[in-house]
């Protein structure tokens, strides 16, 4: 499967993170996640494998047990193979479930990347799940105090619009630019400000 970002795009985003952090005490991390397979989706092919033999039996009453078993196995295998197709997984997953899944991953990454441990509590995570068509910005208390969550919405809307057009890297770079403008105004860099977390974007 093709990675969501190429090496040159990752290098471009890393440079954009450094630029976005210039002049602000905020510590920004970008995490990009491919769509994750959800175990609950396996229920769909399992249900199909249980249901399909009934119409087959009604159509051909003389079907033997071996044929019915073969039909069930075939439906199960076909369903599981279809789940490997991102478009199929997306169609079977409600938008609210995709959003909740992305938010859960974002919260986990915020902690895993150590953004809750910055000196001034100014960690900011930009999380993107292109396959789920979701993006989240999570900020620590030092950021959320002066900057309400609604302020991030233009950054996310623009990012998702670019991602839908196949320009994920452009969307992330543009979002970082918008974030930087807000962060410099509300969290200007202080004396002795240093880079506390790596700038290289993370691809899960």
N, C-alpha and C. Protein backbone atom coordinates (compact mmCIF):
# COMPACT_ATOMS: atom_id res chain seq x y z
N UNK A 1 0.85 -1.20 0.00
CA UNK A 1 0.00 0.00 0.00
C UNK A 1 0.88 1.24 0.00
N UNK A 2 0.53 2.21 -0.86
CA UNK A 2 1.32 3.44 -0.97
C UNK A 2 1.23 4.24 0.32
N UNK A 3 2.38 4.68 0.84
CA UNK A 3 2.35 5.50 2.08
C UNK A 3 1.63 6.80 1.81
N UNK A 4 1.01 7.38 2.86
CA UNK A 4 0.25 8.62 2.65
C UNK A 4 1.12 9.81 2.26
N UNK A 5 2.43 9.76 2.60
CA UNK A 5 3.33 10.86 2.29
C UNK A 5 4.66 10.31 1.79
N UNK A 6 5.25 10.97 0.82
CA UNK A 6 6.56 10.58 0.31
C UNK A 6 7.65 11.19 1.20
N UNK A 7 8.87 10.73 1.02
CA UNK A 7 9.99 11.27 1.80
C UNK A 7 10.18 12.78 1.56
N UNK A 8 10.14 13.25 0.29
CA UNK A 8 10.26 14.70 0.10
C UNK A 8 9.12 15.47 0.78
N UNK A 9 7.92 14.92 0.79
CA UNK A 9 6.79 15.58 1.46
C UNK A 9 7.00 15.62 2.97
N UNK A 10 7.53 14.53 3.53
CA UNK A 10 7.81 14.50 4.97
C UNK A 10 8.86 15.54 5.33
N UNK A 11 9.89 15.67 4.49
CA UNK A 11 10.93 16.68 4.73
C UNK A 11 10.35 18.09 4.65
N UNK A 12 9.43 18.29 3.72
CA UNK A 12 8.78 19.60 3.58
C UNK A 12 7.94 19.93 4.82
N UNK A 13 7.23 18.94 5.34
CA UNK A 13 6.42 19.15 6.53
C UNK A 13 7.30 19.42 7.74
N UNK A 14 8.42 18.70 7.84
CA UNK A 14 9.35 18.93 8.95
C UNK A 14 9.85 20.36 8.94
N UNK A 15 10.18 20.86 7.76
CA UNK A 15 10.63 22.26 7.66
C UNK A 15 9.50 23.22 8.04
N UNK A 16 8.27 22.87 7.67
CA UNK A 16 7.12 23.72 8.01
C UNK A 16 6.87 23.74 9.51
N UNK A 17 7.13 22.62 10.19
CA UNK A 17 6.98 22.58 11.65
C UNK A 17 8.00 23.50 12.31
N UNK A 18 9.25 23.43 11.85
CA UNK A 18 10.29 24.31 12.40
C UNK A 18 9.91 25.77 12.21
N UNK A 19 9.40 26.09 11.03
CA UNK A 19 9.01 27.46 10.74
C UNK A 19 7.81 27.87 11.61
N UNK A 20 6.86 26.95 11.79
CA UNK A 20 5.67 27.26 12.59
C UNK A 20 6.02 27.51 14.05
N UNK A 21 7.04 26.83 14.56
CA UNK A 21 7.43 26.99 15.96
C UNK A 21 8.29 28.23 16.18
N UNK A 22 8.79 28.80 15.09
CA UNK A 22 9.65 29.98 15.24
C UNK A 22 8.82 31.16 15.73
N UNK A 23 9.23 31.74 16.85
CA UNK A 23 8.52 32.89 17.39
C UNK A 23 7.41 32.54 18.35
N UNK A 24 7.26 31.27 18.68
CA UNK A 24 6.24 30.86 19.64
C UNK A 24 6.83 29.82 20.60
N UNK A 25 6.28 29.76 21.80
CA UNK A 25 6.73 28.75 22.76
C UNK A 25 6.03 27.41 22.56
N UNK A 26 5.11 27.34 21.61
CA UNK A 26 4.37 26.09 21.35
C UNK A 26 5.31 25.02 20.79
N UNK A 27 5.03 23.78 21.15
CA UNK A 27 5.76 22.63 20.62
C UNK A 27 4.78 21.81 19.79
N UNK A 28 5.02 21.74 18.48
CA UNK A 28 4.07 21.13 17.55
C UNK A 28 4.58 19.78 17.07
N UNK A 29 3.68 18.80 17.07
CA UNK A 29 3.98 17.49 16.50
C UNK A 29 2.88 17.16 15.48
N UNK A 30 3.29 16.63 14.33
CA UNK A 30 2.34 16.20 13.30
C UNK A 30 2.37 14.67 13.23
N UNK A 31 1.20 14.07 13.32
CA UNK A 31 1.07 12.61 13.20
C UNK A 31 0.07 12.30 12.09
N UNK A 32 0.48 11.46 11.15
CA UNK A 32 -0.40 11.05 10.05
C UNK A 32 -0.62 9.54 10.17
N UNK A 33 -1.88 9.15 10.22
CA UNK A 33 -2.22 7.74 10.39
C UNK A 33 -2.97 7.23 9.17
N UNK A 34 -2.56 6.07 8.68
CA UNK A 34 -3.35 5.41 7.64
C UNK A 34 -4.63 4.89 8.28
N UNK A 35 -5.65 4.62 7.46
CA UNK A 35 -6.90 4.07 8.00
C UNK A 35 -6.61 2.75 8.68
N UNK A 36 -7.09 2.58 9.90
CA UNK A 36 -6.84 1.37 10.67
C UNK A 36 -8.00 0.38 10.50
N UNK A 37 -7.65 -0.88 10.34
CA UNK A 37 -8.69 -1.92 10.27
C UNK A 37 -9.32 -2.07 11.65
N UNK A 38 -10.64 -2.05 11.68
CA UNK A 38 -11.35 -2.17 12.94
C UNK A 38 -11.94 -3.57 13.06
N UNK A 39 -11.64 -4.30 14.15
CA UNK A 39 -12.12 -5.67 14.29
C UNK A 39 -13.62 -5.81 14.17
N UNK A 40 -14.40 -4.78 14.60
CA UNK A 40 -15.85 -4.91 14.56
C UNK A 40 -16.37 -5.06 13.14
N UNK A 41 -15.62 -4.58 12.13
CA UNK A 41 -16.06 -4.72 10.74
C UNK A 41 -16.10 -6.16 10.29
N UNK A 42 -15.36 -7.03 10.95
CA UNK A 42 -15.37 -8.45 10.58
C UNK A 42 -16.73 -9.08 10.83
N UNK A 43 -17.59 -8.41 11.58
CA UNK A 43 -18.94 -8.94 11.81
C UNK A 43 -19.76 -8.97 10.53
N UNK A 44 -19.49 -8.02 9.61
CA UNK A 44 -20.26 -7.97 8.37
C UNK A 44 -20.09 -9.24 7.54
N UNK A 45 -18.86 -9.65 7.18
CA UNK A 45 -18.73 -10.91 6.42
C UNK A 45 -19.21 -12.12 7.20
N UNK A 46 -19.07 -12.10 8.54
CA UNK A 46 -19.55 -13.22 9.34
C UNK A 46 -21.07 -13.33 9.25
N UNK A 47 -21.76 -12.19 9.32
CA UNK A 47 -23.22 -12.21 9.19
C UNK A 47 -23.65 -12.66 7.80
N UNK A 48 -22.93 -12.18 6.78
CA UNK A 48 -23.25 -12.58 5.41
C UNK A 48 -23.08 -14.09 5.24
N UNK A 49 -22.03 -14.64 5.85
CA UNK A 49 -21.80 -16.08 5.76
C UNK A 49 -22.92 -16.88 6.42
N UNK A 50 -23.52 -16.30 7.46
CA UNK A 50 -24.63 -16.98 8.14
C UNK A 50 -25.94 -16.86 7.37
N UNK A 51 -26.15 -15.70 6.72
CA UNK A 51 -27.45 -15.43 6.09
C UNK A 51 -27.56 -16.02 4.69
N UNK A 52 -26.50 -15.96 3.89
CA UNK A 52 -26.57 -16.35 2.48
C UNK A 52 -27.01 -17.80 2.26
N UNK A 53 -26.59 -18.76 3.08
CA UNK A 53 -27.04 -20.14 2.82
C UNK A 53 -28.55 -20.32 2.82
N UNK A 54 -29.31 -19.48 3.53
CA UNK A 54 -30.76 -19.64 3.59
C UNK A 54 -31.41 -19.44 2.23
N UNK A 55 -31.17 -18.30 1.52
CA UNK A 55 -31.75 -18.19 0.18
C UNK A 55 -31.23 -19.25 -0.79
N UNK A 56 -29.97 -19.66 -0.58
CA UNK A 56 -29.43 -20.72 -1.45
C UNK A 56 -30.19 -22.02 -1.23
N UNK A 57 -30.54 -22.30 0.01
CA UNK A 57 -31.29 -23.53 0.33
C UNK A 57 -32.70 -23.45 -0.20
N UNK A 58 -33.31 -22.24 -0.14
CA UNK A 58 -34.66 -22.07 -0.67
C UNK A 58 -34.69 -22.22 -2.18
N UNK A 59 -33.62 -21.75 -2.83
CA UNK A 59 -33.56 -21.85 -4.29
C UNK A 59 -33.25 -23.27 -4.73
N UNK A 60 -32.38 -23.94 -4.00
CA UNK A 60 -31.98 -25.32 -4.34
C UNK A 60 -32.12 -26.17 -3.09
N UNK A 61 -33.33 -26.70 -2.82
CA UNK A 61 -33.57 -27.43 -1.56
C UNK A 61 -32.67 -28.65 -1.38
N UNK A 62 -32.16 -29.19 -2.47
CA UNK A 62 -31.38 -30.43 -2.36
C UNK A 62 -29.90 -30.18 -2.08
N UNK A 63 -29.55 -28.96 -1.83
CA UNK A 63 -28.14 -28.68 -1.53
C UNK A 63 -27.70 -29.46 -0.29
N UNK A 64 -26.57 -30.11 -0.39
CA UNK A 64 -26.06 -30.88 0.73
C UNK A 64 -25.33 -30.00 1.74
N UNK A 65 -25.04 -30.57 2.89
CA UNK A 65 -24.36 -29.84 3.95
C UNK A 65 -22.98 -29.36 3.50
N UNK A 66 -22.31 -30.18 2.70
CA UNK A 66 -20.97 -29.81 2.24
C UNK A 66 -21.02 -28.56 1.37
N UNK A 67 -22.03 -28.48 0.48
CA UNK A 67 -22.17 -27.30 -0.37
C UNK A 67 -22.49 -26.06 0.47
N UNK A 68 -23.37 -26.22 1.44
CA UNK A 68 -23.72 -25.09 2.30
C UNK A 68 -22.49 -24.58 3.06
N UNK A 69 -21.69 -25.54 3.53
CA UNK A 69 -20.47 -25.16 4.26
C UNK A 69 -19.51 -24.43 3.32
N UNK A 70 -19.40 -24.90 2.08
CA UNK A 70 -18.52 -24.26 1.10
C UNK A 70 -19.00 -22.84 0.78
N UNK A 71 -20.33 -22.67 0.67
CA UNK A 71 -20.88 -21.33 0.41
C UNK A 71 -20.56 -20.39 1.57
N UNK A 72 -20.72 -20.86 2.79
CA UNK A 72 -20.42 -20.04 3.96
C UNK A 72 -18.96 -19.62 3.99
N UNK A 73 -18.06 -20.58 3.76
CA UNK A 73 -16.64 -20.27 3.76
C UNK A 73 -16.30 -19.26 2.66
N UNK A 74 -16.92 -19.46 1.49
CA UNK A 74 -16.67 -18.55 0.37
C UNK A 74 -17.13 -17.14 0.68
N UNK A 75 -18.31 -16.99 1.29
CA UNK A 75 -18.81 -15.66 1.63
C UNK A 75 -17.93 -15.00 2.69
N UNK A 76 -17.50 -15.79 3.66
CA UNK A 76 -16.64 -15.23 4.70
C UNK A 76 -15.31 -14.75 4.12
N UNK A 77 -14.71 -15.58 3.26
CA UNK A 77 -13.42 -15.21 2.65
C UNK A 77 -13.58 -13.98 1.76
N UNK A 78 -14.66 -13.94 0.97
CA UNK A 78 -14.89 -12.79 0.09
C UNK A 78 -15.08 -11.51 0.90
N UNK A 79 -15.87 -11.61 1.97
CA UNK A 79 -16.11 -10.44 2.81
C UNK A 79 -14.84 -9.92 3.46
N UNK A 80 -14.01 -10.82 3.96
CA UNK A 80 -12.77 -10.39 4.60
C UNK A 80 -11.81 -9.76 3.59
N UNK A 81 -11.82 -10.30 2.36
CA UNK A 81 -10.98 -9.71 1.32
C UNK A 81 -11.46 -8.31 0.95
N UNK A 82 -12.78 -8.13 0.89
CA UNK A 82 -13.32 -6.81 0.57
C UNK A 82 -12.97 -5.78 1.63
N UNK A 83 -12.83 -6.24 2.88
CA UNK A 83 -12.48 -5.31 3.96
C UNK A 83 -11.06 -4.76 3.81
N UNK A 84 -10.26 -5.39 2.96
CA UNK A 84 -8.92 -4.88 2.70
C UNK A 84 -8.96 -3.65 1.80
N UNK A 85 -10.10 -3.39 1.16
CA UNK A 85 -10.25 -2.24 0.27
C UNK A 85 -10.68 -1.03 1.11
N UNK A 86 -9.86 0.04 1.15
CA UNK A 86 -10.18 1.19 2.00
C UNK A 86 -11.57 1.76 1.76
N UNK A 87 -12.00 1.83 0.50
CA UNK A 87 -13.32 2.40 0.20
C UNK A 87 -14.44 1.57 0.81
N UNK A 88 -14.26 0.26 0.84
CA UNK A 88 -15.28 -0.61 1.43
C UNK A 88 -15.31 -0.42 2.94
N UNK A 89 -14.14 -0.39 3.58
CA UNK A 89 -14.09 -0.18 5.03
C UNK A 89 -14.75 1.15 5.40
N UNK A 90 -14.47 2.17 4.58
CA UNK A 90 -15.03 3.48 4.87
C UNK A 90 -16.54 3.47 4.74
N UNK A 91 -17.05 2.79 3.70
CA UNK A 91 -18.49 2.75 3.48
C UNK A 91 -19.22 2.03 4.61
N UNK A 92 -18.56 1.04 5.21
CA UNK A 92 -19.19 0.26 6.27
C UNK A 92 -19.04 0.89 7.65
N UNK A 93 -18.22 1.94 7.73
CA UNK A 93 -17.99 2.58 9.03
C UNK A 93 -18.69 3.92 9.07
N UNK A 94 -19.64 4.13 9.98
CA UNK A 94 -20.33 5.43 10.07
C UNK A 94 -19.33 6.56 10.33
N UNK A 95 -19.69 7.76 9.88
CA UNK A 95 -18.80 8.91 10.04
C UNK A 95 -18.49 9.19 11.50
N UNK A 96 -19.50 9.04 12.36
CA UNK A 96 -19.26 9.29 13.79
C UNK A 96 -18.26 8.30 14.36
N UNK A 97 -18.33 7.04 13.90
CA UNK A 97 -17.38 6.03 14.38
C UNK A 97 -15.97 6.35 13.89
N UNK A 98 -15.86 6.82 12.63
CA UNK A 98 -14.54 7.18 12.12
C UNK A 98 -13.95 8.35 12.91
N UNK A 99 -14.82 9.33 13.21
CA UNK A 99 -14.35 10.51 13.95
C UNK A 99 -13.92 10.12 15.37
N UNK A 100 -14.72 9.28 16.02
CA UNK A 100 -14.38 8.85 17.38
C UNK A 100 -13.08 8.05 17.38
N UNK A 101 -12.92 7.21 16.35
CA UNK A 101 -11.69 6.41 16.24
C UNK A 101 -10.47 7.32 16.09
N UNK A 102 -10.60 8.35 15.23
CA UNK A 102 -9.48 9.27 15.01
C UNK A 102 -9.17 10.05 16.28
N UNK A 103 -10.21 10.48 17.00
CA UNK A 103 -9.98 11.22 18.24
C UNK A 103 -9.27 10.37 19.28
N UNK A 104 -9.66 9.11 19.37
CA UNK A 104 -9.00 8.21 20.31
C UNK A 104 -7.53 8.04 19.97
N UNK A 105 -7.23 7.85 18.68
CA UNK A 105 -5.83 7.72 18.26
C UNK A 105 -5.06 9.01 18.54
N UNK A 106 -5.70 10.14 18.30
CA UNK A 106 -5.03 11.42 18.53
C UNK A 106 -4.69 11.59 20.01
N UNK A 107 -5.62 11.26 20.88
CA UNK A 107 -5.35 11.38 22.32
C UNK A 107 -4.18 10.48 22.74
N UNK A 108 -4.18 9.26 22.19
CA UNK A 108 -3.09 8.33 22.51
C UNK A 108 -1.75 8.88 22.04
N UNK A 109 -1.73 9.46 20.84
CA UNK A 109 -0.48 9.99 20.28
C UNK A 109 -0.01 11.22 21.04
N UNK A 110 -0.94 12.03 21.54
CA UNK A 110 -0.55 13.21 22.31
C UNK A 110 0.29 12.80 23.51
N UNK A 111 -0.14 11.74 24.18
CA UNK A 111 0.60 11.26 25.35
C UNK A 111 1.87 10.54 24.92
N UNK A 112 1.76 9.70 23.89
CA UNK A 112 2.91 8.90 23.47
C UNK A 112 4.06 9.79 22.98
N UNK A 113 3.74 10.92 22.39
CA UNK A 113 4.78 11.82 21.87
C UNK A 113 5.30 12.78 22.95
N UNK A 114 4.80 12.66 24.17
CA UNK A 114 5.30 13.47 25.28
C UNK A 114 4.86 14.91 25.26
N UNK A 115 3.78 15.22 24.56
CA UNK A 115 3.34 16.61 24.47
C UNK A 115 2.72 17.12 25.77
N UNK A 116 2.41 16.22 26.67
CA UNK A 116 1.86 16.63 27.97
C UNK A 116 2.97 16.95 28.97
N UNK A 117 4.22 16.81 28.52
CA UNK A 117 5.34 17.01 29.44
C UNK A 117 6.21 18.21 29.07
N UNK A 118 5.73 19.10 28.21
CA UNK A 118 6.54 20.27 27.87
C UNK A 118 6.59 21.22 29.07
N UNK A 119 7.64 22.01 29.14
CA UNK A 119 7.89 22.85 30.33
C UNK A 119 6.74 23.80 30.62
N UNK A 120 6.21 24.46 29.57
CA UNK A 120 5.14 25.44 29.77
C UNK A 120 3.77 24.88 29.41
N UNK A 121 3.70 23.56 29.22
CA UNK A 121 2.44 22.89 28.83
C UNK A 121 1.86 23.54 27.57
N UNK A 122 2.72 23.65 26.57
CA UNK A 122 2.30 24.27 25.31
C UNK A 122 2.40 23.29 24.15
N UNK A 123 2.25 21.99 24.43
CA UNK A 123 2.28 20.99 23.37
C UNK A 123 1.03 21.06 22.51
N UNK A 124 1.22 20.91 21.19
CA UNK A 124 0.10 20.92 20.24
C UNK A 124 0.29 19.77 19.27
N UNK A 125 -0.73 18.95 19.13
CA UNK A 125 -0.69 17.82 18.19
C UNK A 125 -1.62 18.10 17.02
N UNK A 126 -1.08 17.99 15.81
CA UNK A 126 -1.90 18.01 14.60
C UNK A 126 -1.97 16.58 14.10
N UNK A 127 -3.13 15.97 14.21
CA UNK A 127 -3.32 14.57 13.87
C UNK A 127 -4.22 14.47 12.64
N UNK A 128 -3.76 13.68 11.66
CA UNK A 128 -4.53 13.51 10.42
C UNK A 128 -4.67 12.02 10.11
N UNK A 129 -5.90 11.61 9.84
CA UNK A 129 -6.17 10.24 9.39
C UNK A 129 -6.82 10.33 8.02
N UNK A 130 -6.03 10.32 6.94
CA UNK A 130 -6.58 10.55 5.59
C UNK A 130 -7.65 9.53 5.21
N UNK A 131 -7.43 8.27 5.57
CA UNK A 131 -8.40 7.24 5.21
C UNK A 131 -9.73 7.42 5.90
N UNK A 132 -9.70 8.00 7.10
CA UNK A 132 -10.93 8.26 7.85
C UNK A 132 -11.51 9.63 7.54
N UNK A 133 -10.77 10.43 6.74
CA UNK A 133 -11.18 11.80 6.42
C UNK A 133 -11.42 12.61 7.70
N UNK A 134 -10.51 12.44 8.63
CA UNK A 134 -10.62 13.13 9.92
C UNK A 134 -9.30 13.80 10.25
N UNK A 135 -9.39 14.91 10.96
CA UNK A 135 -8.21 15.59 11.47
C UNK A 135 -8.56 16.20 12.82
N UNK A 136 -7.59 16.21 13.71
CA UNK A 136 -7.80 16.74 15.05
C UNK A 136 -6.59 17.58 15.46
N UNK A 137 -6.85 18.62 16.25
CA UNK A 137 -5.78 19.37 16.90
C UNK A 137 -6.03 19.26 18.40
N UNK A 138 -5.05 18.72 19.11
CA UNK A 138 -5.14 18.60 20.56
C UNK A 138 -4.04 19.45 21.16
N UNK A 139 -4.41 20.30 22.12
CA UNK A 139 -3.44 21.20 22.74
C UNK A 139 -3.49 21.06 24.24
N UNK A 140 -2.35 21.32 24.87
CA UNK A 140 -2.25 21.23 26.32
C UNK A 140 -2.86 22.48 26.97
N UNK A 141 -2.92 22.46 28.29
CA UNK A 141 -3.60 23.54 29.04
C UNK A 141 -3.00 24.90 28.75
N UNK A 142 -1.70 24.95 28.52
CA UNK A 142 -1.06 26.23 28.26
C UNK A 142 -1.51 26.87 26.97
N UNK A 143 -2.04 26.05 26.05
CA UNK A 143 -2.55 26.57 24.78
C UNK A 143 -4.06 26.76 24.86
N UNK A 144 -4.75 25.80 25.43
CA UNK A 144 -6.22 25.86 25.46
C UNK A 144 -6.72 27.03 26.29
N UNK A 145 -5.92 27.48 27.28
CA UNK A 145 -6.37 28.62 28.09
C UNK A 145 -6.67 29.84 27.24
N UNK A 146 -5.67 30.38 26.50
CA UNK A 146 -5.93 31.58 25.72
C UNK A 146 -6.58 31.32 24.37
N UNK A 147 -6.64 30.06 23.90
CA UNK A 147 -7.10 29.78 22.54
C UNK A 147 -8.19 28.71 22.56
N UNK A 148 -9.45 29.07 22.28
CA UNK A 148 -10.54 28.08 22.30
C UNK A 148 -10.40 27.08 21.16
N UNK A 149 -10.98 25.89 21.37
CA UNK A 149 -10.89 24.84 20.36
C UNK A 149 -11.47 25.26 19.02
N UNK A 150 -12.53 26.11 19.04
CA UNK A 150 -13.17 26.52 17.79
C UNK A 150 -12.20 27.28 16.88
N UNK A 151 -11.18 27.86 17.49
CA UNK A 151 -10.23 28.63 16.69
C UNK A 151 -9.44 27.75 15.72
N UNK A 152 -9.35 26.46 16.03
CA UNK A 152 -8.59 25.55 15.17
C UNK A 152 -9.38 25.14 13.92
N UNK A 153 -10.71 25.34 13.92
CA UNK A 153 -11.55 24.80 12.86
C UNK A 153 -11.12 25.22 11.45
N UNK A 154 -10.79 26.50 11.19
CA UNK A 154 -10.34 26.85 9.83
C UNK A 154 -9.10 26.08 9.39
N UNK A 155 -8.20 25.80 10.33
CA UNK A 155 -7.00 25.02 10.00
C UNK A 155 -7.39 23.63 9.53
N UNK A 156 -8.31 23.01 10.26
CA UNK A 156 -8.70 21.63 9.96
C UNK A 156 -9.54 21.56 8.69
N UNK A 157 -10.44 22.51 8.50
CA UNK A 157 -11.28 22.49 7.30
C UNK A 157 -10.44 22.63 6.04
N UNK A 158 -9.49 23.54 6.07
CA UNK A 158 -8.61 23.71 4.91
C UNK A 158 -7.76 22.48 4.65
N UNK A 159 -7.26 21.88 5.72
CA UNK A 159 -6.44 20.68 5.59
C UNK A 159 -7.23 19.55 4.94
N UNK A 160 -8.44 19.31 5.44
CA UNK A 160 -9.26 18.21 4.92
C UNK A 160 -9.67 18.46 3.47
N UNK A 161 -9.91 19.71 3.11
CA UNK A 161 -10.25 20.03 1.72
C UNK A 161 -9.09 19.68 0.79
N UNK A 162 -7.88 20.03 1.20
CA UNK A 162 -6.69 19.70 0.40
C UNK A 162 -6.47 18.19 0.34
N UNK A 163 -6.69 17.52 1.47
CA UNK A 163 -6.50 16.06 1.49
C UNK A 163 -7.47 15.37 0.55
N UNK A 164 -8.73 15.83 0.51
CA UNK A 164 -9.72 15.22 -0.39
C UNK A 164 -9.33 15.42 -1.85
N UNK A 165 -8.60 16.49 -2.12
CA UNK A 165 -8.15 16.76 -3.49
C UNK A 165 -6.84 16.05 -3.81
N UNK A 166 -6.34 15.25 -2.87
CA UNK A 166 -5.11 14.51 -3.10
C UNK A 166 -3.85 15.31 -2.80
N UNK A 167 -4.00 16.40 -2.06
CA UNK A 167 -2.85 17.25 -1.73
C UNK A 167 -2.67 17.29 -0.21
N UNK A 168 -2.44 16.13 0.38
CA UNK A 168 -2.33 16.03 1.83
C UNK A 168 -1.19 16.88 2.38
N UNK A 169 -0.01 16.78 1.76
CA UNK A 169 1.14 17.55 2.25
C UNK A 169 0.87 19.05 2.19
N UNK A 170 0.26 19.51 1.09
CA UNK A 170 -0.07 20.93 0.97
C UNK A 170 -1.02 21.35 2.09
N UNK A 171 -2.00 20.49 2.39
CA UNK A 171 -2.96 20.81 3.44
C UNK A 171 -2.32 20.90 4.80
N UNK A 172 -1.39 20.00 5.09
CA UNK A 172 -0.72 20.02 6.39
C UNK A 172 0.15 21.27 6.52
N UNK A 173 0.90 21.59 5.46
CA UNK A 173 1.77 22.77 5.49
C UNK A 173 0.93 24.04 5.68
N UNK A 174 -0.19 24.13 4.96
CA UNK A 174 -1.05 25.31 5.10
C UNK A 174 -1.64 25.40 6.51
N UNK A 175 -2.05 24.25 7.06
CA UNK A 175 -2.60 24.24 8.42
C UNK A 175 -1.56 24.70 9.43
N UNK A 176 -0.34 24.25 9.25
CA UNK A 176 0.74 24.67 10.15
C UNK A 176 0.96 26.18 10.08
N UNK A 177 0.84 26.74 8.88
CA UNK A 177 1.00 28.18 8.74
C UNK A 177 -0.09 28.94 9.49
N UNK A 178 -1.33 28.46 9.38
CA UNK A 178 -2.44 29.13 10.10
C UNK A 178 -2.28 28.97 11.61
N UNK A 179 -1.88 27.76 12.03
CA UNK A 179 -1.68 27.53 13.46
C UNK A 179 -0.59 28.46 14.00
N UNK A 180 0.47 28.61 13.24
CA UNK A 180 1.60 29.42 13.68
C UNK A 180 1.19 30.87 13.92
N UNK A 181 0.35 31.41 13.03
CA UNK A 181 -0.09 32.79 13.19
C UNK A 181 -0.82 32.98 14.52
N UNK A 182 -1.68 32.05 14.86
CA UNK A 182 -2.44 32.15 16.12
C UNK A 182 -1.54 31.94 17.32
N UNK A 183 -0.62 30.98 17.23
CA UNK A 183 0.23 30.66 18.36
C UNK A 183 1.23 31.76 18.65
N UNK A 184 1.74 32.39 17.62
CA UNK A 184 2.70 33.49 17.84
C UNK A 184 2.04 34.66 18.56
N UNK A 185 0.77 34.89 18.24
CA UNK A 185 0.05 36.00 18.87
C UNK A 185 -0.24 35.71 20.34
N UNK A 186 -0.63 34.46 20.62
CA UNK A 186 -1.06 34.13 21.98
C UNK A 186 0.04 33.52 22.85
N UNK A 187 1.00 32.88 22.22
CA UNK A 187 2.10 32.25 22.97
C UNK A 187 3.44 32.63 22.35
N UNK A 188 3.82 33.87 22.44
CA UNK A 188 5.11 34.28 21.87
C UNK A 188 6.26 33.59 22.57
N UNK A 189 7.33 33.39 21.84
CA UNK A 189 8.51 32.74 22.41
C UNK A 189 9.10 33.60 23.51
N UNK A 190 9.50 32.96 24.60
CA UNK A 190 10.12 33.67 25.70
C UNK A 190 11.63 33.51 25.66
N UNK A 191 12.33 34.17 26.56
CA UNK A 191 13.79 34.03 26.62
C UNK A 191 14.19 32.59 26.96
N UNK A 192 15.17 32.09 26.25
CA UNK A 192 15.64 30.73 26.52
C UNK A 192 14.72 29.64 25.99
N UNK A 193 13.77 30.01 25.16
CA UNK A 193 12.87 29.00 24.60
C UNK A 193 13.66 28.01 23.76
N UNK A 194 13.37 26.72 23.94
CA UNK A 194 14.11 25.69 23.21
C UNK A 194 13.15 24.66 22.62
N UNK A 195 13.66 23.92 21.66
CA UNK A 195 12.86 22.89 21.00
C UNK A 195 12.86 21.64 21.89
N UNK A 196 11.68 21.27 22.39
CA UNK A 196 11.60 20.17 23.35
C UNK A 196 11.20 18.83 22.73
N UNK A 197 10.58 18.85 21.56
CA UNK A 197 10.15 17.60 20.93
C UNK A 197 10.64 17.58 19.48
N UNK A 198 10.85 16.38 18.91
CA UNK A 198 11.34 16.29 17.53
C UNK A 198 10.37 16.92 16.55
N UNK A 199 10.91 17.49 15.47
CA UNK A 199 10.07 18.13 14.45
C UNK A 199 9.68 17.17 13.33
N UNK A 200 10.31 16.04 13.26
CA UNK A 200 10.01 15.11 12.17
C UNK A 200 8.60 14.58 12.30
N UNK A 201 7.78 14.68 11.24
CA UNK A 201 6.41 14.16 11.32
C UNK A 201 6.40 12.65 11.50
N UNK A 202 5.39 12.16 12.18
CA UNK A 202 5.26 10.73 12.47
C UNK A 202 4.20 10.12 11.57
N UNK A 203 4.53 9.03 10.93
CA UNK A 203 3.56 8.29 10.11
C UNK A 203 3.32 6.94 10.75
N UNK A 204 2.09 6.69 11.13
CA UNK A 204 1.75 5.42 11.80
C UNK A 204 1.47 4.34 10.78
